[in-house]
């Protein structure tokens, strides 16, 4: 019985670690902000190290691109 409990706890902790990693990875990317005419007016990159930053205007018309671009 104790062995089953240890295995269940280990499996639960593994699952929680996986969920936590996926949640953290979901925050790596860039928001692109567009005006009413569809012109890019701003951007916000987060979770990408040296590429992190903001510029321009924040609008409600936005698109999220997940992941970080390569430096090359």
N, C-alpha and C. Protein backbone atom coordinates (compact mmCIF):
# COMPACT_ATOMS: atom_id res chain seq x y z
N UNK A 1 0.82 -1.19 0.00
CA UNK A 1 0.00 0.00 0.00
C UNK A 1 0.87 1.25 0.00
N UNK A 2 1.93 1.23 0.79
CA UNK A 2 2.82 2.40 0.86
C UNK A 2 3.51 2.64 -0.48
N UNK A 3 3.86 1.56 -1.17
CA UNK A 3 4.52 1.69 -2.47
C UNK A 3 3.57 2.37 -3.48
N UNK A 4 2.29 2.00 -3.46
CA UNK A 4 1.32 2.62 -4.36
C UNK A 4 1.17 4.11 -4.06
N UNK A 5 1.18 4.45 -2.79
CA UNK A 5 1.06 5.86 -2.41
C UNK A 5 2.28 6.64 -2.89
N UNK A 6 3.46 6.09 -2.74
CA UNK A 6 4.69 6.76 -3.19
C UNK A 6 4.66 6.95 -4.70
N UNK A 7 4.24 5.92 -5.42
CA UNK A 7 4.15 6.02 -6.88
C UNK A 7 3.11 7.06 -7.31
N UNK A 8 1.99 7.10 -6.61
CA UNK A 8 0.95 8.08 -6.93
C UNK A 8 1.44 9.50 -6.68
N UNK A 9 2.14 9.69 -5.57
CA UNK A 9 2.68 11.02 -5.26
C UNK A 9 3.74 11.41 -6.29
N UNK A 10 4.61 10.49 -6.65
CA UNK A 10 5.65 10.77 -7.65
C UNK A 10 5.03 11.11 -9.00
N UNK A 11 4.00 10.38 -9.40
CA UNK A 11 3.32 10.66 -10.67
C UNK A 11 2.64 12.02 -10.62
N UNK A 12 2.03 12.35 -9.51
CA UNK A 12 1.37 13.65 -9.36
C UNK A 12 2.37 14.79 -9.44
N UNK A 13 3.50 14.64 -8.77
CA UNK A 13 4.53 15.68 -8.81
C UNK A 13 5.10 15.84 -10.22
N UNK A 14 5.28 14.73 -10.92
CA UNK A 14 5.75 14.80 -12.30
C UNK A 14 4.76 15.53 -13.19
N UNK A 15 3.48 15.23 -13.01
CA UNK A 15 2.45 15.89 -13.79
C UNK A 15 2.41 17.39 -13.49
N UNK A 16 2.49 17.76 -12.23
CA UNK A 16 2.49 19.18 -11.86
C UNK A 16 3.70 19.90 -12.42
N UNK A 17 4.86 19.26 -12.42
CA UNK A 17 6.06 19.86 -13.00
C UNK A 17 5.88 20.09 -14.49
N UNK A 18 5.28 19.14 -15.18
CA UNK A 18 5.03 19.28 -16.61
C UNK A 18 4.06 20.41 -16.90
N UNK A 19 3.00 20.49 -16.14
CA UNK A 19 2.01 21.56 -16.32
C UNK A 19 2.66 22.91 -16.04
N UNK A 20 3.47 22.99 -14.99
CA UNK A 20 4.14 24.24 -14.65
C UNK A 20 5.09 24.66 -15.76
N UNK A 21 5.85 23.72 -16.31
CA UNK A 21 6.77 24.04 -17.40
C UNK A 21 6.01 24.55 -18.61
N UNK A 22 4.92 23.89 -18.97
CA UNK A 22 4.14 24.32 -20.13
C UNK A 22 3.51 25.69 -19.91
N UNK A 23 3.09 25.97 -18.69
CA UNK A 23 2.53 27.28 -18.40
C UNK A 23 3.60 28.36 -18.51
N UNK A 24 4.79 28.08 -18.03
CA UNK A 24 5.88 29.06 -18.13
C UNK A 24 6.29 29.27 -19.57
N UNK A 25 6.34 28.21 -20.35
CA UNK A 25 6.73 28.33 -21.76
C UNK A 25 5.69 29.11 -22.54
N UNK A 26 4.43 29.08 -22.10
CA UNK A 26 3.37 29.81 -22.77
C UNK A 26 3.54 31.32 -22.70
N UNK A 27 4.36 31.81 -21.81
CA UNK A 27 4.57 33.25 -21.67
C UNK A 27 5.72 33.75 -22.53
N UNK A 28 6.35 32.90 -23.31
CA UNK A 28 7.43 33.33 -24.19
C UNK A 28 6.83 33.68 -25.54
N UNK A 29 6.95 34.93 -25.91
CA UNK A 29 6.42 35.32 -27.20
C UNK A 29 6.24 36.82 -27.32
N UNK A 30 5.52 37.21 -28.37
CA UNK A 30 5.37 38.63 -28.69
C UNK A 30 3.91 38.95 -28.98
N UNK A 31 3.44 40.04 -28.37
CA UNK A 31 2.15 40.63 -28.73
C UNK A 31 2.41 41.68 -29.79
N UNK A 32 1.66 41.64 -30.89
CA UNK A 32 1.71 42.67 -31.92
C UNK A 32 0.40 43.44 -31.84
N UNK A 33 0.50 44.77 -31.79
CA UNK A 33 -0.68 45.63 -31.67
C UNK A 33 -0.90 46.37 -32.99
N UNK A 34 -2.18 46.38 -33.43
CA UNK A 34 -2.54 46.99 -34.71
C UNK A 34 -3.60 48.06 -34.50
N UNK A 35 -3.61 49.07 -35.38
CA UNK A 35 -4.65 50.09 -35.30
C UNK A 35 -5.90 49.60 -36.05
N UNK A 36 -6.90 50.47 -36.18
CA UNK A 36 -8.16 50.09 -36.82
C UNK A 36 -7.97 49.70 -38.29
N UNK A 37 -6.93 50.23 -38.92
CA UNK A 37 -6.68 49.95 -40.34
C UNK A 37 -5.78 48.74 -40.55
N UNK A 38 -5.34 48.11 -39.46
CA UNK A 38 -4.50 46.93 -39.57
C UNK A 38 -3.01 47.22 -39.65
N UNK A 39 -2.63 48.45 -39.34
CA UNK A 39 -1.23 48.85 -39.37
C UNK A 39 -0.58 48.52 -38.03
N UNK A 40 0.59 47.88 -38.05
CA UNK A 40 1.32 47.56 -36.82
C UNK A 40 1.74 48.85 -36.12
N UNK A 41 1.29 49.02 -34.87
CA UNK A 41 1.59 50.25 -34.14
C UNK A 41 2.34 50.00 -32.84
N UNK A 42 2.56 48.72 -32.47
CA UNK A 42 3.28 48.43 -31.24
C UNK A 42 3.58 46.96 -31.10
N UNK A 43 4.46 46.66 -30.14
CA UNK A 43 4.88 45.28 -29.91
C UNK A 43 5.38 45.14 -28.48
N UNK A 44 5.19 43.93 -27.91
CA UNK A 44 5.69 43.64 -26.57
C UNK A 44 6.19 42.20 -26.58
N UNK A 45 7.49 42.02 -26.36
CA UNK A 45 8.11 40.70 -26.30
C UNK A 45 8.48 40.39 -24.85
N UNK A 46 8.13 39.18 -24.39
CA UNK A 46 8.40 38.79 -23.01
C UNK A 46 8.90 37.34 -22.96
N UNK A 47 9.80 37.07 -22.03
CA UNK A 47 10.29 35.72 -21.81
C UNK A 47 11.37 35.29 -22.78
N UNK A 48 11.93 36.22 -23.53
CA UNK A 48 12.91 35.89 -24.57
C UNK A 48 14.29 36.50 -24.29
N UNK A 49 14.58 36.80 -23.05
CA UNK A 49 15.91 37.29 -22.68
C UNK A 49 16.21 38.67 -23.24
N UNK A 50 17.29 38.76 -24.01
CA UNK A 50 17.74 40.05 -24.54
C UNK A 50 16.73 40.67 -25.50
N UNK A 51 15.85 39.87 -26.09
CA UNK A 51 14.85 40.38 -27.04
C UNK A 51 13.64 41.00 -26.35
N UNK A 52 13.54 40.88 -25.01
CA UNK A 52 12.41 41.43 -24.29
C UNK A 52 12.35 42.93 -24.44
N UNK A 53 11.13 43.45 -24.56
CA UNK A 53 10.96 44.89 -24.63
C UNK A 53 9.62 45.27 -25.23
N UNK A 54 9.36 46.57 -25.18
CA UNK A 54 8.12 47.13 -25.70
C UNK A 54 8.42 48.33 -26.57
N UNK A 55 7.55 48.59 -27.52
CA UNK A 55 7.61 49.83 -28.28
C UNK A 55 6.22 50.13 -28.81
N UNK A 56 5.98 51.37 -29.10
CA UNK A 56 4.73 51.77 -29.73
C UNK A 56 3.55 51.88 -28.79
N UNK A 57 2.38 51.68 -29.38
CA UNK A 57 1.10 51.89 -28.71
C UNK A 57 0.42 50.54 -28.46
N UNK A 58 -0.23 50.41 -27.31
CA UNK A 58 -0.99 49.20 -26.98
C UNK A 58 -2.45 49.44 -27.38
N UNK A 59 -3.00 48.51 -28.16
CA UNK A 59 -4.40 48.60 -28.59
C UNK A 59 -5.13 47.31 -28.25
N UNK A 60 -6.44 47.31 -28.42
CA UNK A 60 -7.23 46.10 -28.20
C UNK A 60 -7.12 45.13 -29.36
N UNK A 61 -6.71 45.62 -30.52
CA UNK A 61 -6.54 44.78 -31.71
C UNK A 61 -5.13 44.19 -31.67
N UNK A 62 -5.00 42.97 -31.14
CA UNK A 62 -3.68 42.39 -30.91
C UNK A 62 -3.64 40.93 -31.31
N UNK A 63 -2.42 40.46 -31.59
CA UNK A 63 -2.17 39.06 -31.95
C UNK A 63 -0.96 38.59 -31.15
N UNK A 64 -1.05 37.37 -30.58
CA UNK A 64 0.07 36.81 -29.82
C UNK A 64 0.78 35.76 -30.67
N UNK A 65 2.09 35.88 -30.79
CA UNK A 65 2.93 34.91 -31.47
C UNK A 65 3.78 34.22 -30.40
N UNK A 66 3.55 32.91 -30.18
CA UNK A 66 4.25 32.19 -29.13
C UNK A 66 5.65 31.78 -29.59
N UNK A 67 6.59 31.85 -28.65
CA UNK A 67 7.95 31.44 -28.93
C UNK A 67 8.87 32.62 -29.15
N UNK A 68 10.16 32.35 -29.12
CA UNK A 68 11.17 33.39 -29.29
C UNK A 68 11.87 33.20 -30.63
N UNK A 69 12.17 34.30 -31.28
CA UNK A 69 12.89 34.25 -32.55
C UNK A 69 14.36 34.00 -32.31
N UNK A 70 15.00 33.30 -33.24
CA UNK A 70 16.44 33.11 -33.18
C UNK A 70 17.15 34.42 -33.47
N UNK A 71 18.35 34.56 -32.93
CA UNK A 71 19.13 35.76 -33.15
C UNK A 71 19.70 35.84 -34.56
N UNK A 72 19.74 34.72 -35.27
CA UNK A 72 20.34 34.72 -36.60
C UNK A 72 19.51 35.40 -37.64
